[in-house]
Protein backbone atom coordinates (compact mmCIF):
# COMPACT_ATOMS: atom_id res chain seq x y z
CA UNK A 1 154.45 -30.12 253.34
CA UNK A 2 151.14 -28.82 252.03
CA UNK A 3 150.70 -28.36 248.30
CA UNK A 4 147.54 -26.28 248.17
CA UNK A 5 147.07 -22.64 249.01
CA UNK A 6 144.09 -23.42 251.24
CA UNK A 7 146.10 -26.04 253.14
CA UNK A 8 148.86 -23.52 253.80
CA UNK A 9 146.28 -21.05 255.11
CA UNK A 10 144.73 -23.77 257.27
CA UNK A 11 148.16 -24.48 258.81
CA UNK A 12 148.68 -20.79 259.58
CA UNK A 13 145.22 -20.24 261.03
CA UNK A 14 145.21 -23.43 263.11
CA UNK A 15 148.60 -22.52 264.62
CA UNK A 16 147.29 -19.06 265.51
CA UNK A 17 144.16 -20.55 267.09
CA UNK A 18 146.24 -23.12 268.98
CA UNK A 19 148.38 -20.39 270.53
CA UNK A 20 145.32 -18.29 271.45
CA UNK A 21 143.60 -21.30 273.03
CA UNK A 22 146.76 -22.17 274.94
CA UNK A 23 146.98 -18.60 276.26
CA UNK A 24 143.35 -18.47 277.42
CA UNK A 25 143.56 -21.93 278.98
CA UNK A 26 146.73 -21.08 280.88
CA UNK A 27 145.28 -17.75 282.05
CA UNK A 28 142.17 -19.47 283.38
CA UNK A 29 144.25 -22.14 285.15
CA UNK A 30 146.29 -19.43 286.85
CA UNK A 31 143.10 -17.62 287.90
CA UNK A 32 141.70 -20.85 289.39
CA UNK A 33 144.97 -21.43 291.22
CA UNK A 34 144.96 -17.87 292.57
CA UNK A 35 141.35 -18.19 293.74
CA UNK A 36 142.14 -21.43 295.56
CA UNK A 37 145.06 -19.74 297.32
CA UNK A 38 142.92 -16.87 298.66
CA UNK A 39 142.05 -16.88 302.36
CA UNK A 40 140.05 -13.65 302.50
CA UNK A 41 136.36 -14.44 301.93
CA UNK A 42 135.42 -10.98 300.62
CA UNK A 43 138.19 -11.03 298.02
CA UNK A 44 137.33 -14.61 297.04
CA UNK A 45 133.66 -13.72 296.58
CA UNK A 46 134.71 -10.86 294.33
CA UNK A 47 136.95 -13.11 292.20
CA UNK A 48 134.56 -16.08 291.90
CA UNK A 49 132.23 -14.58 289.23
CA UNK A 50 135.21 -13.52 287.12
CA UNK A 51 136.79 -16.97 287.23
CA UNK A 52 133.44 -18.67 286.59
CA UNK A 53 132.96 -16.46 283.55
CA UNK A 54 136.41 -17.40 282.23
CA UNK A 55 135.61 -21.09 282.63
CA UNK A 56 132.24 -20.69 280.88
CA UNK A 57 133.91 -18.97 277.94
CA UNK A 58 136.50 -21.75 277.64
CA UNK A 59 133.76 -24.37 277.68
CA UNK A 60 131.75 -22.46 275.09
CA UNK A 61 134.77 -22.39 272.74
CA UNK A 62 135.45 -26.12 273.38
CA UNK A 63 138.85 -25.40 274.89
CA UNK A 64 137.80 -27.36 277.96
CA UNK A 65 134.90 -29.78 278.34
CA UNK A 66 131.58 -28.47 279.66
CA UNK A 67 131.63 -30.92 282.55
CA UNK A 68 135.16 -29.91 283.54
CA UNK A 69 134.08 -26.28 283.69
CA UNK A 70 131.07 -27.23 285.82
CA UNK A 71 133.18 -29.33 288.17
CA UNK A 72 135.74 -26.56 288.61
CA UNK A 73 133.04 -23.96 289.26
CA UNK A 74 131.38 -26.24 291.80
CA UNK A 75 134.63 -26.93 293.68
CA UNK A 76 135.56 -23.24 293.68
CA UNK A 77 132.13 -22.26 295.00
CA UNK A 78 132.46 -24.80 297.80
CA UNK A 79 135.92 -23.43 298.61
CA UNK A 80 134.67 -19.83 298.74
CA UNK A 81 131.67 -20.79 300.88
CA UNK A 82 133.90 -22.66 303.34
CA UNK A 83 136.11 -19.62 303.96
């Protein structure tokens, strides 16, 4: 157990950040999954910028790697274009 006041605060803040990151990551994964399941091209084209934005924000905050975000965006764009 931590002995210093700052260490206790660090434990609290890192737990809060961990839960926030987990929430945003899970939300983005569900959005990607939902976009992949779409079969209507118009709806998919409407959702693609929103999902791409989510992925960019996760990469910016280092929740996911930049290359992973790029790969996901590329695959999703190919999927939408093939509809």
